[in-house]
Amino acid sequence: MLSRIECDIAPGESDCAKIAEIVQRNILKITDLLVGDLRWYSQNAQLVPGSLKIVSVEYLDMNSFKLLYDFDWNLFSPCLDLNETVTQSEQVNFHIKPGALEFDVIDNQQPSPGDEL
C-alpha cells in the first residue's frame, strides 16, 4: 500500500530533521496507514489518540529514508478484566518524489472469512 504526503520538497534532500518536521506536521494524514489494523491483536484494541510519535528519520540512500515511530494502543475488555496499554515500535521506508513523500506501508488488514476460504 502506498501513501503520500504532498509537500514542498525537492528530490536529493538529505536533511533528516527537516524531513521529520514535514512528516510530523502531516502525521494525522497517515496515522491510519502507519498504525494499521489493530484487530490482529484483539477486536477490542484501539489506538490511543495523539500517541503516534516520530522517534527518528534515518537516511538510507539517495531519496530513500526510514521512519521509526512509536504509538500506544489500548485493550479494554471488562469481561476478561483487561485494561492494558501497549507501546508499539514500528518502522517504514519512504522515498522523496517530486513534491511528495511516498511511504511503503504494508497492508495488514485482517482477512475476511471469504479470503480464508
PDB file of N, CA and C in Angstrom:
ATOM      1  N   MET A   1       0.847  -1.158   0.000  1.00  0.00           N
ATOM      2  CA  MET A   1       0.000   0.000   0.000  1.00  0.00           C
ATOM      3  C   MET A   1       0.900   1.230   0.000  1.00  0.00           C
ATOM      4  N   LEU A   2       0.556   2.214  -0.791  1.00  0.00           N
ATOM      5  CA  LEU A   2       1.369   3.411  -0.929  1.00  0.00           C
ATOM      6  C   LEU A   2       0.606   4.600  -0.381  1.00  0.00           C
ATOM      7  N   SER A   3       1.255   5.389   0.426  1.00  0.00           N
ATOM      8  CA  SER A   3       0.655   6.585   0.992  1.00  0.00           C
ATOM      9  C   SER A   3       1.574   7.757   0.704  1.00  0.00           C
ATOM     10  N   ARG A   4       0.986   8.880   0.377  1.00  0.00           N
ATOM     11  CA  ARG A   4       1.767  10.069   0.020  1.00  0.00           C
ATOM     12  C   ARG A   4       1.446  11.234   0.943  1.00  0.00           C
ATOM     13  N   ILE A   5       2.470  12.015   1.215  1.00  0.00           N
ATOM     14  CA  ILE A   5       2.308  13.321   1.840  1.00  0.00           C
ATOM     15  C   ILE A   5       2.766  14.328   0.797  1.00  0.00           C
ATOM     16  N   GLU A   6       1.828  15.119   0.303  1.00  0.00           N
ATOM     17  CA  GLU A   6       2.179  16.171  -0.649  1.00  0.00           C
ATOM     18  C   GLU A   6       2.880  17.280   0.125  1.00  0.00           C
ATOM     19  N   CYS A   7       4.042  17.710  -0.356  1.00  0.00           N
ATOM     20  CA  CYS A   7       4.805  18.740   0.344  1.00  0.00           C
ATOM     21  C   CYS A   7       5.786  19.395  -0.618  1.00  0.00           C
ATOM     22  N   ASP A   8       6.344  20.494  -0.172  1.00  0.00           N
ATOM     23  CA  ASP A   8       7.315  21.235  -0.970  1.00  0.00           C
ATOM     24  C   ASP A   8       8.710  20.722  -0.629  1.00  0.00           C
ATOM     25  N   ILE A   9       9.100  19.631  -1.277  1.00  0.00           N
ATOM     26  CA  ILE A   9      10.414  19.046  -1.031  1.00  0.00           C
ATOM     27  C   ILE A   9      11.002  18.614  -2.371  1.00  0.00           C
ATOM     28  N   ALA A  10      12.277  18.839  -2.500  1.00  0.00           N
ATOM     29  CA  ALA A  10      12.947  18.511  -3.759  1.00  0.00           C
ATOM     30  C   ALA A  10      13.686  17.184  -3.635  1.00  0.00           C
ATOM     31  N   PRO A  11      13.672  16.380  -4.686  1.00  0.00           N
ATOM     32  CA  PRO A  11      14.495  15.168  -4.673  1.00  0.00           C
ATOM     33  C   PRO A  11      15.952  15.534  -4.394  1.00  0.00           C
ATOM     34  N   GLY A  12      16.620  14.698  -3.639  1.00  0.00           N
ATOM     35  CA  GLY A  12      18.002  14.967  -3.259  1.00  0.00           C
ATOM     36  C   GLY A  12      18.140  15.551  -1.866  1.00  0.00           C
ATOM     37  N   GLU A  13      17.035  15.950  -1.241  1.00  0.00           N
ATOM     38  CA  GLU A  13      17.076  16.474   0.135  1.00  0.00           C
ATOM     39  C   GLU A  13      17.577  15.370   1.059  1.00  0.00           C
ATOM     40  N   SER A  14      18.497  15.729   1.945  1.00  0.00           N
ATOM     41  CA  SER A  14      19.042  14.715   2.857  1.00  0.00           C
ATOM     42  C   SER A  14      19.003  15.148   4.319  1.00  0.00           C
ATOM     43  N   ASP A  15      18.377  16.281   4.613  1.00  0.00           N
ATOM     44  CA  ASP A  15      18.283  16.789   5.980  1.00  0.00           C
ATOM     45  C   ASP A  15      17.177  16.029   6.724  1.00  0.00           C
ATOM     46  N   CYS A  16      17.575  15.061   7.537  1.00  0.00           N
ATOM     47  CA  CYS A  16      16.608  14.213   8.247  1.00  0.00           C
ATOM     48  C   CYS A  16      15.722  15.011   9.200  1.00  0.00           C
ATOM     49  N   ALA A  17      16.262  16.043   9.838  1.00  0.00           N
ATOM     50  CA  ALA A  17      15.469  16.861  10.759  1.00  0.00           C
ATOM     51  C   ALA A  17      14.371  17.602  10.000  1.00  0.00           C
ATOM     52  N   LYS A  18      14.695  18.135   8.840  1.00  0.00           N
ATOM     53  CA  LYS A  18      13.703  18.839   8.021  1.00  0.00           C
ATOM     54  C   LYS A  18      12.611  17.876   7.565  1.00  0.00           C
ATOM     55  N   ILE A  19      13.007  16.685   7.157  1.00  0.00           N
ATOM     56  CA  ILE A  19      12.039  15.695   6.692  1.00  0.00           C
ATOM     57  C   ILE A  19      11.156  15.221   7.848  1.00  0.00           C
ATOM     58  N   ALA A  20      11.744  15.022   9.025  1.00  0.00           N
ATOM     59  CA  ALA A  20      10.961  14.621  10.206  1.00  0.00           C
ATOM     60  C   ALA A  20       9.928  15.687  10.550  1.00  0.00           C
ATOM     61  N   GLU A  21      10.293  16.950  10.392  1.00  0.00           N
ATOM     62  CA  GLU A  21       9.363  18.052  10.663  1.00  0.00           C
ATOM     63  C   GLU A  21       8.185  18.016   9.685  1.00  0.00           C
ATOM     64  N   ILE A  22       8.465  17.744   8.416  1.00  0.00           N
ATOM     65  CA  ILE A  22       7.395  17.640   7.414  1.00  0.00           C
ATOM     66  C   ILE A  22       6.453  16.492   7.769  1.00  0.00           C
ATOM     67  N   VAL A  23       7.010  15.348   8.134  1.00  0.00           N
ATOM     68  CA  VAL A  23       6.184  14.194   8.497  1.00  0.00           C
ATOM     69  C   VAL A  23       5.356  14.517   9.737  1.00  0.00           C
ATOM     70  N   GLN A  24       5.961  15.134  10.746  1.00  0.00           N
ATOM     71  CA  GLN A  24       5.240  15.458  11.980  1.00  0.00           C
ATOM     72  C   GLN A  24       4.067  16.402  11.713  1.00  0.00           C
ATOM     73  N   ARG A  25       4.264  17.384  10.839  1.00  0.00           N
ATOM     74  CA  ARG A  25       3.180  18.321  10.513  1.00  0.00           C
ATOM     75  C   ARG A  25       2.019  17.623   9.807  1.00  0.00           C
ATOM     76  N   ASN A  26       2.293  16.515   9.151  1.00  0.00           N
ATOM     77  CA  ASN A  26       1.278  15.809   8.363  1.00  0.00           C
ATOM     78  C   ASN A  26       0.908  14.447   8.934  1.00  0.00           C
ATOM     79  N   ILE A  27       1.289  14.185  10.164  1.00  0.00           N
ATOM     80  CA  ILE A  27       1.142  12.849  10.746  1.00  0.00           C
ATOM     81  C   ILE A  27      -0.319  12.375  10.790  1.00  0.00           C
ATOM     82  N   LEU A  28      -1.255  13.298  10.981  1.00  0.00           N
ATOM     83  CA  LEU A  28      -2.662  12.897  11.048  1.00  0.00           C
ATOM     84  C   LEU A  28      -3.156  12.329   9.722  1.00  0.00           C
ATOM     85  N   LYS A  29      -2.551  12.748   8.609  1.00  0.00           N
ATOM     86  CA  LYS A  29      -2.970  12.265   7.295  1.00  0.00           C
ATOM     87  C   LYS A  29      -2.607  10.798   7.078  1.00  0.00           C
ATOM     88  N   ILE A  30      -1.572  10.325   7.763  1.00  0.00           N
ATOM     89  CA  ILE A  30      -1.101   8.952   7.529  1.00  0.00           C
ATOM     90  C   ILE A  30      -1.176   8.066   8.773  1.00  0.00           C
ATOM     91  N   THR A  31      -1.794   8.559   9.829  1.00  0.00           N
ATOM     92  CA  THR A  31      -1.870   7.785  11.075  1.00  0.00           C
ATOM     93  C   THR A  31      -2.488   6.408  10.857  1.00  0.00           C
ATOM     94  N   ASP A  32      -3.628   6.346  10.181  1.00  0.00           N
ATOM     95  CA  ASP A  32      -4.303   5.057   9.987  1.00  0.00           C
ATOM     96  C   ASP A  32      -3.423   4.070   9.230  1.00  0.00           C
ATOM     97  N   LEU A  33      -2.677   4.560   8.254  1.00  0.00           N
ATOM     98  CA  LEU A  33      -1.810   3.670   7.482  1.00  0.00           C
ATOM     99  C   LEU A  33      -0.602   3.214   8.284  1.00  0.00           C
ATOM    100  N   LEU A  34      -0.053   4.103   9.128  1.00  0.00           N
ATOM    101  CA  LEU A  34       1.111   3.730   9.931  1.00  0.00           C
ATOM    102  C   LEU A  34       0.743   2.756  11.049  1.00  0.00           C
ATOM    103  N   VAL A  35      -0.422   2.936  11.629  1.00  0.00           N
ATOM    104  CA  VAL A  35      -0.849   2.077  12.740  1.00  0.00           C
ATOM    105  C   VAL A  35      -1.377   0.747  12.214  1.00  0.00           C
ATOM    106  N   GLY A  36      -2.098   0.791  11.125  1.00  0.00           N
ATOM    107  CA  GLY A  36      -2.650  -0.437  10.562  1.00  0.00           C
ATOM    108  C   GLY A  36      -3.878  -0.907  11.322  1.00  0.00           C
ATOM    109  N   ASP A  37      -4.229  -2.138  11.096  1.00  0.00           N
ATOM    110  CA  ASP A  37      -5.420  -2.738  11.678  1.00  0.00           C
ATOM    111  C   ASP A  37      -5.047  -3.434  12.983  1.00  0.00           C
ATOM    112  N   LEU A  38      -5.447  -2.860  14.096  1.00  0.00           N
ATOM    113  CA  LEU A  38      -5.099  -3.413  15.408  1.00  0.00           C
ATOM    114  C   LEU A  38      -5.913  -4.655  15.764  1.00  0.00           C
ATOM    115  N   ARG A  39      -6.861  -5.032  14.925  1.00  0.00           N
ATOM    116  CA  ARG A  39      -7.648  -6.242  15.207  1.00  0.00           C
ATOM    117  C   ARG A  39      -6.793  -7.500  15.164  1.00  0.00           C
ATOM    118  N   TRP A  40      -5.567  -7.393  14.636  1.00  0.00           N
ATOM    119  CA  TRP A  40      -4.657  -8.544  14.690  1.00  0.00           C
ATOM    120  C   TRP A  40      -4.369  -8.915  16.139  1.00  0.00           C
ATOM    121  N   TYR A  41      -4.413  -7.907  17.017  1.00  0.00           N
ATOM    122  CA  TYR A  41      -4.159  -8.153  18.438  1.00  0.00           C
ATOM    123  C   TYR A  41      -5.431  -8.552  19.160  1.00  0.00           C
ATOM    124  N   SER A  42      -6.501  -7.813  18.889  1.00  0.00           N
ATOM    125  CA  SER A  42      -7.786  -8.086  19.521  1.00  0.00           C
ATOM    126  C   SER A  42      -8.858  -7.244  18.836  1.00  0.00           C
ATOM    127  N   GLN A  43     -10.091  -7.744  18.850  1.00  0.00           N
ATOM    128  CA  GLN A  43     -11.210  -6.967  18.314  1.00  0.00           C
ATOM    129  C   GLN A  43     -11.428  -5.691  19.118  1.00  0.00           C
ATOM    130  N   ASN A  44     -10.956  -5.673  20.374  1.00  0.00           N
ATOM    131  CA  ASN A  44     -11.158  -4.523  21.254  1.00  0.00           C
ATOM    132  C   ASN A  44      -9.973  -3.563  21.280  1.00  0.00           C
ATOM    133  N   ALA A  45      -8.928  -3.827  20.526  1.00  0.00           N
ATOM    134  CA  ALA A  45      -7.738  -2.967  20.537  1.00  0.00           C
ATOM    135  C   ALA A  45      -8.032  -1.654  19.817  1.00  0.00           C
ATOM    136  N   GLN A  46      -7.602  -0.548  20.439  1.00  0.00           N
ATOM    137  CA  GLN A  46      -7.814   0.781  19.864  1.00  0.00           C
ATOM    138  C   GLN A  46      -6.564   1.628  20.038  1.00  0.00           C
ATOM    139  N   LEU A  47      -6.298   2.464  19.041  1.00  0.00           N
ATOM    140  CA  LEU A  47      -5.196   3.411  19.109  1.00  0.00           C
ATOM    141  C   LEU A  47      -5.484   4.441  20.188  1.00  0.00           C
ATOM    142  N   VAL A  48      -4.484   4.751  21.008  1.00  0.00           N
ATOM    143  CA  VAL A  48      -4.617   5.834  21.981  1.00  0.00           C
ATOM    144  C   VAL A  48      -4.453   7.140  21.203  1.00  0.00           C
ATOM    145  N   PRO A  49      -5.485   7.983  21.172  1.00  0.00           N
ATOM    146  CA  PRO A  49      -5.411   9.215  20.378  1.00  0.00           C
ATOM    147  C   PRO A  49      -4.211  10.080  20.770  1.00  0.00           C
ATOM    148  N   GLY A  50      -3.528  10.606  19.770  1.00  0.00           N
ATOM    149  CA  GLY A  50      -2.401  11.504  19.998  1.00  0.00           C
ATOM    150  C   GLY A  50      -1.115  10.821  20.412  1.00  0.00           C
ATOM    151  N   SER A  51      -1.071   9.494  20.354  1.00  0.00           N
ATOM    152  CA  SER A  51       0.112   8.784  20.857  1.00  0.00           C
ATOM    153  C   SER A  51       1.178   8.519  19.791  1.00  0.00           C
ATOM    154  N   LEU A  52       0.871   8.742  18.518  1.00  0.00           N
ATOM    155  CA  LEU A  52       1.838   8.465  17.449  1.00  0.00           C
ATOM    156  C   LEU A  52       2.961   9.500  17.491  1.00  0.00           C
ATOM    157  N   LYS A  53       4.180   9.029  17.727  1.00  0.00           N
ATOM    158  CA  LYS A  53       5.348   9.907  17.864  1.00  0.00           C
ATOM    159  C   LYS A  53       6.470   9.430  16.956  1.00  0.00           C
ATOM    160  N   ILE A  54       7.118  10.379  16.304  1.00  0.00           N
ATOM    161  CA  ILE A  54       8.280  10.062  15.481  1.00  0.00           C
ATOM    162  C   ILE A  54       9.484   9.899  16.394  1.00  0.00           C
ATOM    163  N   VAL A  55      10.168   8.774  16.288  1.00  0.00           N
ATOM    164  CA  VAL A  55      11.397   8.532  17.038  1.00  0.00           C
ATOM    165  C   VAL A  55      12.567   9.121  16.268  1.00  0.00           C
ATOM    166  N   SER A  56      12.654   8.784  14.975  1.00  0.00           N
ATOM    167  CA  SER A  56      13.730   9.330  14.145  1.00  0.00           C
ATOM    168  C   SER A  56      13.445   9.086  12.672  1.00  0.00           C
ATOM    169  N   VAL A  57      14.164   9.836  11.855  1.00  0.00           N
ATOM    170  CA  VAL A  57      14.199   9.615  10.417  1.00  0.00           C
ATOM    171  C   VAL A  57      15.647   9.311  10.083  1.00  0.00           C
ATOM    172  N   GLU A  58      15.876   8.199   9.391  1.00  0.00           N
ATOM    173  CA  GLU A  58      17.236   7.787   9.043  1.00  0.00           C
ATOM    174  C   GLU A  58      17.412   7.790   7.529  1.00  0.00           C
ATOM    175  N   TYR A  59      18.550   8.305   7.093  1.00  0.00           N
ATOM    176  CA  TYR A  59      18.899   8.322   5.673  1.00  0.00           C
ATOM    177  C   TYR A  59      19.360   6.929   5.259  1.00  0.00           C
ATOM    178  N   LEU A  60      18.798   6.392   4.172  1.00  0.00           N
ATOM    179  CA  LEU A  60      19.211   5.086   3.664  1.00  0.00           C
ATOM    180  C   LEU A  60      20.118   5.238   2.450  1.00  0.00           C
ATOM    181  N   ASP A  61      19.612   5.884   1.427  1.00  0.00           N
ATOM    182  CA  ASP A  61      20.408   6.221   0.250  1.00  0.00           C
ATOM    183  C   ASP A  61      19.666   7.316  -0.511  1.00  0.00           C
ATOM    184  N   MET A  62      20.130   7.661  -1.686  1.00  0.00           N
ATOM    185  CA  MET A  62      19.568   8.786  -2.430  1.00  0.00           C
ATOM    186  C   MET A  62      18.042   8.727  -2.482  1.00  0.00           C
ATOM    187  N   ASN A  63      17.401   9.685  -1.842  1.00  0.00           N
ATOM    188  CA  ASN A  63      15.946   9.841  -1.806  1.00  0.00           C
ATOM    189  C   ASN A  63      15.210   8.733  -1.054  1.00  0.00           C
ATOM    190  N   SER A  64      15.904   7.903  -0.295  1.00  0.00           N
ATOM    191  CA  SER A  64      15.266   6.841   0.489  1.00  0.00           C
ATOM    192  C   SER A  64      15.597   7.005   1.965  1.00  0.00           C
ATOM    193  N   PHE A  65      14.569   6.870   2.804  1.00  0.00           N
ATOM    194  CA  PHE A  65      14.703   7.079   4.238  1.00  0.00           C
ATOM    195  C   PHE A  65      13.908   6.021   4.988  1.00  0.00           C
ATOM    196  N   LYS A  66      14.163   5.943   6.290  1.00  0.00           N
ATOM    197  CA  LYS A  66      13.412   5.062   7.179  1.00  0.00           C
ATOM    198  C   LYS A  66      12.832   5.920   8.297  1.00  0.00           C
ATOM    199  N   LEU A  67      11.540   5.754   8.557  1.00  0.00           N
ATOM    200  CA  LEU A  67      10.855   6.435   9.647  1.00  0.00           C
ATOM    201  C   LEU A  67      10.657   5.437  10.778  1.00  0.00           C
ATOM    202  N   LEU A  68      11.193   5.751  11.955  1.00  0.00           N
ATOM    203  CA  LEU A  68      10.966   4.944  13.150  1.00  0.00           C
ATOM    204  C   LEU A  68       9.969   5.702  14.012  1.00  0.00           C
ATOM    205  N   TYR A  69       8.938   5.004  14.487  1.00  0.00           N
ATOM    206  CA  TYR A  69       7.886   5.675  15.237  1.00  0.00           C
ATOM    207  C   TYR A  69       7.304   4.739  16.288  1.00  0.00           C
ATOM    208  N   ASP A  70       6.676   5.352  17.284  1.00  0.00           N
ATOM    209  CA  ASP A  70       6.003   4.633  18.362  1.00  0.00           C
ATOM    210  C   ASP A  70       4.557   5.092  18.429  1.00  0.00           C
ATOM    211  N   PHE A  71       3.697   4.210  18.892  1.00  0.00           N
ATOM    212  CA  PHE A  71       2.326   4.586  19.212  1.00  0.00           C
ATOM    213  C   PHE A  71       1.827   3.667  20.315  1.00  0.00           C
ATOM    214  N   ASP A  72       0.821   4.126  21.028  1.00  0.00           N
ATOM    215  CA  ASP A  72       0.207   3.343  22.099  1.00  0.00           C
ATOM    216  C   ASP A  72      -1.147   2.828  21.627  1.00  0.00           C
ATOM    217  N   TRP A  73      -1.443   1.607  22.004  1.00  0.00           N
ATOM    218  CA  TRP A  73      -2.776   1.087  21.778  1.00  0.00           C
ATOM    219  C   TRP A  73      -3.279   0.472  23.070  1.00  0.00           C
ATOM    220  N   ASN A  74      -4.599   0.521  23.221  1.00  0.00           N
ATOM    221  CA  ASN A  74      -5.234   0.093  24.455  1.00  0.00           C
ATOM    222  C   ASN A  74      -6.144  -1.094  24.179  1.00  0.00           C
ATOM    223  N   LEU A  75      -6.145  -2.018  25.117  1.00  0.00           N
ATOM    224  CA  LEU A  75      -7.033  -3.175  25.050  1.00  0.00           C
ATOM    225  C   LEU A  75      -7.877  -3.169  26.318  1.00  0.00           C
ATOM    226  N   PHE A  76      -9.184  -2.943  26.144  1.00  0.00           N
ATOM    227  CA  PHE A  76     -10.102  -2.913  27.273  1.00  0.00           C
ATOM    228  C   PHE A  76     -11.173  -3.968  27.056  1.00  0.00           C
ATOM    229  N   SER A  77     -11.296  -4.861  28.011  1.00  0.00           N
ATOM    230  CA  SER A  77     -12.326  -5.893  27.972  1.00  0.00           C
ATOM    231  C   SER A  77     -12.761  -6.173  29.406  1.00  0.00           C
ATOM    232  N   PRO A  78     -13.878  -5.578  29.833  1.00  0.00           N
ATOM    233  CA  PRO A  78     -14.308  -5.773  31.219  1.00  0.00           C
ATOM    234  C   PRO A  78     -14.642  -7.231  31.539  1.00  0.00           C
ATOM    235  N   CYS A  79     -15.123  -7.975  30.557  1.00  0.00           N
ATOM    236  CA  CYS A  79     -15.458  -9.388  30.799  1.00  0.00           C
ATOM    237  C   CYS A  79     -14.224 -10.216  31.128  1.00  0.00           C
ATOM    238  N   LEU A  80     -13.090  -9.850  30.532  1.00  0.00           N
ATOM    239  CA  LEU A  80     -11.841 -10.567  30.781  1.00  0.00           C
ATOM    240  C   LEU A  80     -10.964  -9.859  31.807  1.00  0.00           C
ATOM    241  N   ASP A  81     -11.494  -8.784  32.400  1.00  0.00           N
ATOM    242  CA  ASP A  81     -10.755  -7.987  33.378  1.00  0.00           C
ATOM    243  C   ASP A  81      -9.426  -7.487  32.788  1.00  0.00           C
ATOM    244  N   LEU A  82      -9.506  -6.954  31.562  1.00  0.00           N
ATOM    245  CA  LEU A  82      -8.327  -6.420  30.880  1.00  0.00           C
ATOM    246  C   LEU A  82      -8.465  -4.920  30.665  1.00  0.00           C
ATOM    247  N   ASN A  83      -7.435  -4.202  30.983  1.00  0.00           N
ATOM    248  CA  ASN A  83      -7.325  -2.788  30.640  1.00  0.00           C
ATOM    249  C   ASN A  83      -5.834  -2.496  30.516  1.00  0.00           C
ATOM    250  N   GLU A  84      -5.278  -2.826  29.375  1.00  0.00           N
ATOM    251  CA  GLU A  84      -3.835  -2.729  29.157  1.00  0.00           C
ATOM    252  C   GLU A  84      -3.532  -1.712  28.067  1.00  0.00           C
ATOM    253  N   THR A  85      -2.453  -0.963  28.250  1.00  0.00           N
ATOM    254  CA  THR A  85      -1.946  -0.072  27.218  1.00  0.00           C
ATOM    255  C   THR A  85      -0.554  -0.550  26.833  1.00  0.00           C
ATOM    256  N   VAL A  86      -0.339  -0.692  25.534  1.00  0.00           N
ATOM    257  CA  VAL A  86       0.913  -1.222  24.998  1.00  0.00           C
ATOM    258  C   VAL A  86       1.548  -0.170  24.098  1.00  0.00           C
ATOM    259  N   THR A  87       2.861   0.015  24.224  1.00  0.00           N
ATOM    260  CA  THR A  87       3.593   0.880  23.304  1.00  0.00           C
ATOM    261  C   THR A  87       4.193   0.008  22.216  1.00  0.00           C
ATOM    262  N   GLN A  88       3.841   0.328  20.988  1.00  0.00           N
ATOM    263  CA  GLN A  88       4.294  -0.427  19.820  1.00  0.00           C
ATOM    264  C   GLN A  88       5.344   0.399  19.074  1.00  0.00           C
ATOM    265  N   SER A  89       6.471  -0.187  18.741  1.00  0.00           N
ATOM    266  CA  SER A  89       7.516   0.465  17.948  1.00  0.00           C
ATOM    267  C   SER A  89       7.511  -0.139  16.552  1.00  0.00           C
ATOM    268  N   GLU A  90       7.475   0.723  15.545  1.00  0.00           N
ATOM    269  CA  GLU A  90       7.417   0.269  14.155  1.00  0.00           C
ATOM    270  C   GLU A  90       8.362   1.103  13.304  1.00  0.00           C
ATOM    271  N   GLN A  91       8.534   0.682  12.065  1.00  0.00           N
ATOM    272  CA  GLN A  91       9.331   1.445  11.112  1.00  0.00           C
ATOM    273  C   GLN A  91       8.754   1.250   9.721  1.00  0.00           C
ATOM    274  N   VAL A  92       8.985   2.239   8.866  1.00  0.00           N
ATOM    275  CA  VAL A  92       8.518   2.173   7.485  1.00  0.00           C
ATOM    276  C   VAL A  92       9.512   2.932   6.613  1.00  0.00           C
ATOM    277  N   ASN A  93       9.762   2.404   5.438  1.00  0.00           N
ATOM    278  CA  ASN A  93      10.621   3.099   4.482  1.00  0.00           C
ATOM    279  C   ASN A  93       9.782   4.073   3.672  1.00  0.00           C
ATOM    280  N   PHE A  94      10.413   5.167   3.249  1.00  0.00           N
ATOM    281  CA  PHE A  94       9.734   6.113   2.372  1.00  0.00           C
ATOM    282  C   PHE A  94      10.750   6.741   1.439  1.00  0.00           C
ATOM    283  N   HIS A  95      10.223   7.370   0.394  1.00  0.00           N
ATOM    284  CA  HIS A  95      11.067   7.920  -0.658  1.00  0.00           C
ATOM    285  C   HIS A  95      10.624   9.340  -0.984  1.00  0.00           C
ATOM    286  N   ILE A  96      11.582  10.173  -1.352  1.00  0.00           N
ATOM    287  CA  ILE A  96      11.266  11.516  -1.817  1.00  0.00           C
ATOM    288  C   ILE A  96      10.991  11.445  -3.309  1.00  0.00           C
ATOM    289  N   LYS A  97       9.821  11.922  -3.683  1.00  0.00           N
ATOM    290  CA  LYS A  97       9.430  12.069  -5.084  1.00  0.00           C
ATOM    291  C   LYS A  97       9.197  13.561  -5.309  1.00  0.00           C
ATOM    292  N   PRO A  98       9.186  14.032  -6.540  1.00  0.00           N
ATOM    293  CA  PRO A  98       8.945  15.464  -6.766  1.00  0.00           C
ATOM    294  C   PRO A  98       7.637  15.919  -6.113  1.00  0.00           C
ATOM    295  N   GLY A  99       7.748  16.786  -5.109  1.00  0.00           N
ATOM    296  CA  GLY A  99       6.586  17.344  -4.430  1.00  0.00           C
ATOM    297  C   GLY A  99       5.887  16.427  -3.452  1.00  0.00           C
ATOM    298  N   ALA A 100       6.523  15.322  -3.048  1.00  0.00           N
ATOM    299  CA  ALA A 100       5.833  14.400  -2.137  1.00  0.00           C
ATOM    300  C   ALA A 100       6.805  13.449  -1.450  1.00  0.00           C
ATOM    301  N   LEU A 101       6.334  12.909  -0.330  1.00  0.00           N
ATOM    302  CA  LEU A 101       6.994  11.789   0.334  1.00  0.00           C
ATOM    303  C   LEU A 101       6.081  10.585   0.131  1.00  0.00           C
ATOM    304  N   GLU A 102       6.631   9.487  -0.368  1.00  0.00           N
ATOM    305  CA  GLU A 102       5.848   8.269  -0.597  1.00  0.00           C
ATOM    306  C   GLU A 102       6.279   7.191   0.386  1.00  0.00           C
ATOM    307  N   PHE A 103       5.325   6.686   1.165  1.00  0.00           N
ATOM    308  CA  PHE A 103       5.581   5.687   2.199  1.00  0.00           C
ATOM    309  C   PHE A 103       5.211   4.299   1.698  1.00  0.00           C
ATOM    310  N   ASP A 104       6.078   3.330   1.964  1.00  0.00           N
ATOM    311  CA  ASP A 104       5.835   1.931   1.605  1.00  0.00           C
ATOM    312  C   ASP A 104       5.173   1.229   2.787  1.00  0.00           C
ATOM    313  N   VAL A 105       3.894   1.461   2.953  1.00  0.00           N
ATOM    314  CA  VAL A 105       3.162   0.922   4.096  1.00  0.00           C
ATOM    315  C   VAL A 105       2.644  -0.466   3.752  1.00  0.00           C
ATOM    316  N   ILE A 106       2.816  -1.399   4.671  1.00  0.00           N
ATOM    317  CA  ILE A 106       2.330  -2.765   4.484  1.00  0.00           C
ATOM    318  C   ILE A 106       0.865  -2.824   4.896  1.00  0.00           C
ATOM    319  N   ASP A 107       0.040  -3.384   4.043  1.00  0.00           N
ATOM    320  CA  ASP A 107      -1.384  -3.535   4.330  1.00  0.00           C
ATOM    321  C   ASP A 107      -1.565  -4.737   5.253  1.00  0.00           C
ATOM    322  N   ASN A 108      -1.988  -4.475   6.492  1.00  0.00           N
ATOM    323  CA  ASN A 108      -2.131  -5.578   7.450  1.00  0.00           C
ATOM    324  C   ASN A 108      -3.564  -5.739   7.934  1.00  0.00           C
ATOM    325  N   GLN A 109      -4.526  -5.501   7.050  1.00  0.00           N
ATOM    326  CA  GLN A 109      -5.914  -5.680   7.449  1.00  0.00           C
ATOM    327  C   GLN A 109      -6.211  -7.155   7.657  1.00  0.00           C
ATOM    328  N   GLN A 110      -7.058  -7.395   8.634  1.00  0.00           N
ATOM    329  CA  GLN A 110      -7.437  -8.774   8.945  1.00  0.00           C
ATOM    330  C   GLN A 110      -8.241  -9.351   7.782  1.00  0.00           C
ATOM    331  N   PRO A 111      -7.910 -10.554   7.335  1.00  0.00           N
ATOM    332  CA  PRO A 111      -8.656 -11.142   6.222  1.00  0.00           C
ATOM    333  C   PRO A 111     -10.090 -11.471   6.626  1.00  0.00           C
ATOM    334  N   SER A 112     -10.974 -11.374   5.660  1.00  0.00           N
ATOM    335  CA  SER A 112     -12.369 -11.739   5.913  1.00  0.00           C
ATOM    336  C   SER A 112     -12.503 -13.261   5.822  1.00  0.00           C
ATOM    337  N   PRO A 113     -13.610 -13.812   6.312  1.00  0.00           N
ATOM    338  CA  PRO A 113     -13.809 -15.259   6.172  1.00  0.00           C
ATOM    339  C   PRO A 113     -13.771 -15.702   4.704  1.00  0.00           C
ATOM    340  N   GLY A 114     -14.257 -14.853   3.801  1.00  0.00           N
ATOM    341  CA  GLY A 114     -14.215 -15.175   2.380  1.00  0.00           C
ATOM    342  C   GLY A 114     -12.795 -15.286   1.860  1.00  0.00           C
ATOM    343  N   ASP A 115     -11.893 -14.449   2.373  1.00  0.00           N
ATOM    344  CA  ASP A 115     -10.486 -14.506   1.970  1.00  0.00           C
ATOM    345  C   ASP A 115      -9.838 -15.802   2.434  1.00  0.00           C
ATOM    346  N   GLU A 116     -10.282 -16.303   3.568  1.00  0.00           N
ATOM    347  CA  GLU A 116      -9.684 -17.504   4.132  1.00  0.00           C
ATOM    348  C   GLU A 116     -10.140 -18.772   3.413  1.00  0.00           C
ATOM    349  N   LEU A 117     -11.279 -18.677   2.739  1.00  0.00           N
ATOM    350  CA  LEU A 117     -11.792 -19.848   2.012  1.00  0.00           C
ATOM    351  C   LEU A 117     -11.147 -19.870   0.675  1.00  0.00           C
TER     352      LEU A 117
END
